[in-house]
C-alpha cells in the first residue's frame, strides 16, 4: 500500500483511546472486540491511535444503518 492510496483528510489527526471512547460512547473492550470498528495505527512500540476520520465515518455508517436514508436528510 502506498501513502497516496490512504484516504487522509487535510485536517485529519490521530486520536487516542480516551477520545475514541468519548466520541463513540463505547467501552474499551467493545472498541477492540468489534471487527467493524476501525483498527488503531501503531505509532511506536507502546503507542497506538486511531485516525479521526475513520472513527467518524464508522459513526456515520452506524447512524445510516440504524435510520436508513432518513439519516442523510438529518445530517
C-alpha atoms as a PDB file:
ATOM      1  CA  UNK A   1       0.000   0.000   0.000  1.00  0.00           C
ATOM      2  CA  UNK A   2       1.385   3.395  -0.872  1.00  0.00           C
ATOM      3  CA  UNK A   3       0.722   6.601   1.017  1.00  0.00           C
ATOM      4  CA  UNK A   4      -1.285   8.077  -1.870  1.00  0.00           C
ATOM      5  CA  UNK A   5      -3.897   5.321  -1.573  1.00  0.00           C
ATOM      6  CA  UNK A   6      -4.778   6.306   2.005  1.00  0.00           C
ATOM      7  CA  UNK A   7      -7.859   8.467   2.461  1.00  0.00           C
ATOM      8  CA  UNK A   8      -6.455  11.072   4.824  1.00  0.00           C
ATOM      9  CA  UNK A   9      -8.377  14.303   5.033  1.00  0.00           C
ATOM     10  CA  UNK A  10      -6.388  17.537   5.046  1.00  0.00           C
ATOM     11  CA  UNK A  11      -7.132  18.182   8.704  1.00  0.00           C
ATOM     12  CA  UNK A  12      -7.077  14.544   9.828  1.00  0.00           C
ATOM     13  CA  UNK A  13      -5.346  13.648  13.055  1.00  0.00           C
ATOM     14  CA  UNK A  14      -4.586  10.738  15.317  1.00  0.00           C
ATOM     15  CA  UNK A  15      -6.801  10.383  18.366  1.00  0.00           C
ATOM     16  CA  UNK A  16      -6.012   8.327  21.433  1.00  0.00           C
ATOM     17  CA  UNK A  17      -8.230   5.749  23.106  1.00  0.00           C
ATOM     18  CA  UNK A  18      -9.672   8.178  25.650  1.00  0.00           C
ATOM     19  CA  UNK A  19     -11.030  10.400  22.866  1.00  0.00           C
ATOM     20  CA  UNK A  20     -12.306   7.398  20.873  1.00  0.00           C
ATOM     21  CA  UNK A  21     -14.260   6.253  23.924  1.00  0.00           C
ATOM     22  CA  UNK A  22     -15.603   9.759  24.479  1.00  0.00           C
ATOM     23  CA  UNK A  23     -16.672  10.198  20.836  1.00  0.00           C
ATOM     24  CA  UNK A  24     -18.366   6.834  20.499  1.00  0.00           C
ATOM     25  CA  UNK A  25     -19.657   6.158  23.991  1.00  0.00           C
ATOM     26  CA  UNK A  26     -18.273   2.627  23.738  1.00  0.00           C
ATOM     27  CA  UNK A  27     -16.227   0.698  26.242  1.00  0.00           C
ATOM     28  CA  UNK A  28     -12.583  -0.189  25.697  1.00  0.00           C
ATOM     29  CA  UNK A  29     -13.359  -3.887  25.331  1.00  0.00           C
ATOM     30  CA  UNK A  30     -16.090  -3.203  22.765  1.00  0.00           C
ATOM     31  CA  UNK A  31     -13.795  -0.998  20.681  1.00  0.00           C
ATOM     32  CA  UNK A  32     -11.214  -3.771  20.442  1.00  0.00           C
ATOM     33  CA  UNK A  33     -13.709  -6.643  20.033  1.00  0.00           C
ATOM     34  CA  UNK A  34     -15.889  -5.165  17.252  1.00  0.00           C
ATOM     35  CA  UNK A  35     -14.493  -6.279  13.865  1.00  0.00           C
ATOM     36  CA  UNK A  36     -16.362  -3.469  12.087  1.00  0.00           C
ATOM     37  CA  UNK A  37     -14.647  -0.763  14.159  1.00  0.00           C
ATOM     38  CA  UNK A  38     -11.559   0.887  12.626  1.00  0.00           C
ATOM     39  CA  UNK A  39      -8.272  -0.624  13.736  1.00  0.00           C
ATOM     40  CA  UNK A  40      -5.729   1.534  15.538  1.00  0.00           C
ATOM     41  CA  UNK A  41      -2.469   2.622  13.936  1.00  0.00           C
ATOM     42  CA  UNK A  42       0.736   1.649  15.707  1.00  0.00           C
ATOM     43  CA  UNK A  43       2.700   4.838  16.407  1.00  0.00           C
ATOM     44  CA  UNK A  44       5.514   3.215  18.330  1.00  0.00           C
ATOM     45  CA  UNK A  45       6.205   0.039  20.243  1.00  0.00           C
ATOM     46  CA  UNK A  46       3.839   1.073  23.051  1.00  0.00           C
ATOM     47  CA  UNK A  47       1.570   3.663  21.408  1.00  0.00           C
ATOM     48  CA  UNK A  48      -1.481   3.299  19.223  1.00  0.00           C
ATOM     49  CA  UNK A  49      -4.031   5.791  17.949  1.00  0.00           C
ATOM     50  CA  UNK A  50      -6.997   5.917  15.606  1.00  0.00           C
ATOM     51  CA  UNK A  51      -7.464   8.102  12.545  1.00  0.00           C
ATOM     52  CA  UNK A  52     -10.202  10.559  13.466  1.00  0.00           C
ATOM     53  CA  UNK A  53     -11.970  10.495  10.091  1.00  0.00           C
ATOM     54  CA  UNK A  54     -12.177   6.676  10.163  1.00  0.00           C
ATOM     55  CA  UNK A  55     -13.853   6.753  13.571  1.00  0.00           C
ATOM     56  CA  UNK A  56     -16.282   9.471  12.473  1.00  0.00           C
ATOM     57  CA  UNK A  57     -17.060   7.613   9.224  1.00  0.00           C
ATOM     58  CA  UNK A  58     -17.783   4.488  11.273  1.00  0.00           C
ATOM     59  CA  UNK A  59     -20.132   6.519  13.485  1.00  0.00           C
ATOM     60  CA  UNK A  60     -21.934   7.928  10.452  1.00  0.00           C
ATOM     61  CA  UNK A  61     -22.293   4.422   8.976  1.00  0.00           C
ATOM     62  CA  UNK A  62     -23.925   3.262  12.241  1.00  0.00           C
ATOM     63  CA  UNK A  63     -26.460   6.101  12.019  1.00  0.00           C
ATOM     64  CA  UNK A  64     -27.278   5.301   8.394  1.00  0.00           C
ATOM     65  CA  UNK A  65     -27.571   1.575   9.181  1.00  0.00           C
ATOM     66  CA  UNK A  66     -29.990   2.342  12.004  1.00  0.00           C
ATOM     67  CA  UNK A  67     -32.064   5.106  10.457  1.00  0.00           C
ATOM     68  CA  UNK A  68     -31.661   4.428   6.758  1.00  0.00           C
ATOM     69  CA  UNK A  69     -31.975   7.202   4.226  1.00  0.00           C
ATOM     70  CA  UNK A  70     -33.676   9.491   6.764  1.00  0.00           C
ATOM     71  CA  UNK A  71     -30.241   9.928   8.346  1.00  0.00           C
ATOM     72  CA  UNK A  72     -28.929  11.623   5.213  1.00  0.00           C
ATOM     73  CA  UNK A  73     -31.621  14.298   5.491  1.00  0.00           C
ATOM     74  CA  UNK A  74     -30.947  14.884   9.202  1.00  0.00           C
ATOM     75  CA  UNK A  75     -27.174  15.159   8.771  1.00  0.00           C
END
